[in-house]
Amino acid sequence: MIRDLEDRERLVSQAVTHHVCINPVNRQRQSLPQEVLDWLVQWSPPSQV
């Protein structure tokens, strides 16, 4: 989230990050390793889990 410099209560932008994993050999998308998924859940806000 990015807030207005003059009005800290005013939200001016918000982004969503989608994590993907690419196999370096065949350049195909693959599932994220369970350790990474666990880490993302651990550090995500409750509303995003």
C-alpha atoms as a PDB file:
ATOM      1  CA  MET A   1       0.000   0.000   0.000  1.00  0.00           C
ATOM      2  CA  ILE A   2       1.113   3.496  -0.742  1.00  0.00           C
ATOM      3  CA  ARG A   3      -0.340   6.403   1.173  1.00  0.00           C
ATOM      4  CA  ASP A   4      -0.599  10.076   0.283  1.00  0.00           C
ATOM      5  CA  LEU A   5       2.393  11.988   1.694  1.00  0.00           C
ATOM      6  CA  GLU A   6       0.220  14.870   2.889  1.00  0.00           C
ATOM      7  CA  ASP A   7      -2.770  12.817   4.071  1.00  0.00           C
ATOM      8  CA  ARG A   8      -1.485   9.572   5.624  1.00  0.00           C
ATOM      9  CA  GLU A   9      -5.047   8.229   5.904  1.00  0.00           C
ATOM     10  CA  ARG A  10      -5.580   8.406   2.133  1.00  0.00           C
ATOM     11  CA  LEU A  11      -4.622   5.245   0.250  1.00  0.00           C
ATOM     12  CA  VAL A  12      -3.349   6.053  -3.246  1.00  0.00           C
ATOM     13  CA  SER A  13      -2.420   2.581  -4.501  1.00  0.00           C
ATOM     14  CA  GLN A  14      -2.470  -1.055  -3.538  1.00  0.00           C
ATOM     15  CA  ALA A  15      -0.918  -4.088  -5.242  1.00  0.00           C
ATOM     16  CA  VAL A  16      -1.306  -7.846  -5.152  1.00  0.00           C
ATOM     17  CA  THR A  17       1.699 -10.087  -5.714  1.00  0.00           C
ATOM     18  CA  HIS A  18       1.251 -13.519  -7.264  1.00  0.00           C
ATOM     19  CA  HIS A  19       4.189 -15.824  -6.655  1.00  0.00           C
ATOM     20  CA  VAL A  20       5.095 -18.342  -9.344  1.00  0.00           C
ATOM     21  CA  CYS A  21       7.801 -20.930  -9.688  1.00  0.00           C
ATOM     22  CA  ILE A  22       9.480 -21.645 -13.044  1.00  0.00           C
ATOM     23  CA  ASN A  23      11.429 -24.828 -13.676  1.00  0.00           C
ATOM     24  CA  PRO A  24      14.878 -23.680 -14.895  1.00  0.00           C
ATOM     25  CA  VAL A  25      15.342 -26.734 -17.123  1.00  0.00           C
ATOM     26  CA  ASN A  26      12.168 -26.688 -19.197  1.00  0.00           C
ATOM     27  CA  ARG A  27      11.012 -23.112 -18.382  1.00  0.00           C
ATOM     28  CA  GLN A  28       7.567 -24.442 -17.408  1.00  0.00           C
ATOM     29  CA  ARG A  29       5.530 -23.173 -14.502  1.00  0.00           C
ATOM     30  CA  GLN A  30       5.407 -25.565 -11.553  1.00  0.00           C
ATOM     31  CA  SER A  31       3.942 -25.615  -8.062  1.00  0.00           C
ATOM     32  CA  LEU A  32       5.698 -23.666  -5.362  1.00  0.00           C
ATOM     33  CA  PRO A  33       7.590 -25.851  -2.882  1.00  0.00           C
ATOM     34  CA  GLN A  34       5.643 -26.500   0.326  1.00  0.00           C
ATOM     35  CA  GLU A  35       8.261 -24.614   2.357  1.00  0.00           C
ATOM     36  CA  VAL A  36       7.633 -21.473   0.301  1.00  0.00           C
ATOM     37  CA  LEU A  37       3.852 -21.854   0.594  1.00  0.00           C
ATOM     38  CA  ASP A  38       4.163 -22.235   4.367  1.00  0.00           C
ATOM     39  CA  TRP A  39       6.353 -19.119   4.559  1.00  0.00           C
ATOM     40  CA  LEU A  40       3.887 -17.087   2.482  1.00  0.00           C
ATOM     41  CA  VAL A  41       0.992 -18.135   4.707  1.00  0.00           C
ATOM     42  CA  GLN A  42       2.999 -17.339   7.838  1.00  0.00           C
ATOM     43  CA  TRP A  43       3.767 -13.779   6.725  1.00  0.00           C
ATOM     44  CA  SER A  44       0.533 -12.933   4.884  1.00  0.00           C
ATOM     45  CA  PRO A  45      -2.097 -10.720   6.486  1.00  0.00           C
ATOM     46  CA  PRO A  46      -5.035 -12.814   7.824  1.00  0.00           C
ATOM     47  CA  SER A  47      -7.369 -11.439   5.130  1.00  0.00           C
ATOM     48  CA  GLN A  48      -5.111 -12.843   2.385  1.00  0.00           C
ATOM     49  CA  VAL A  49      -4.802 -16.440   3.581  1.00  0.00           C
END
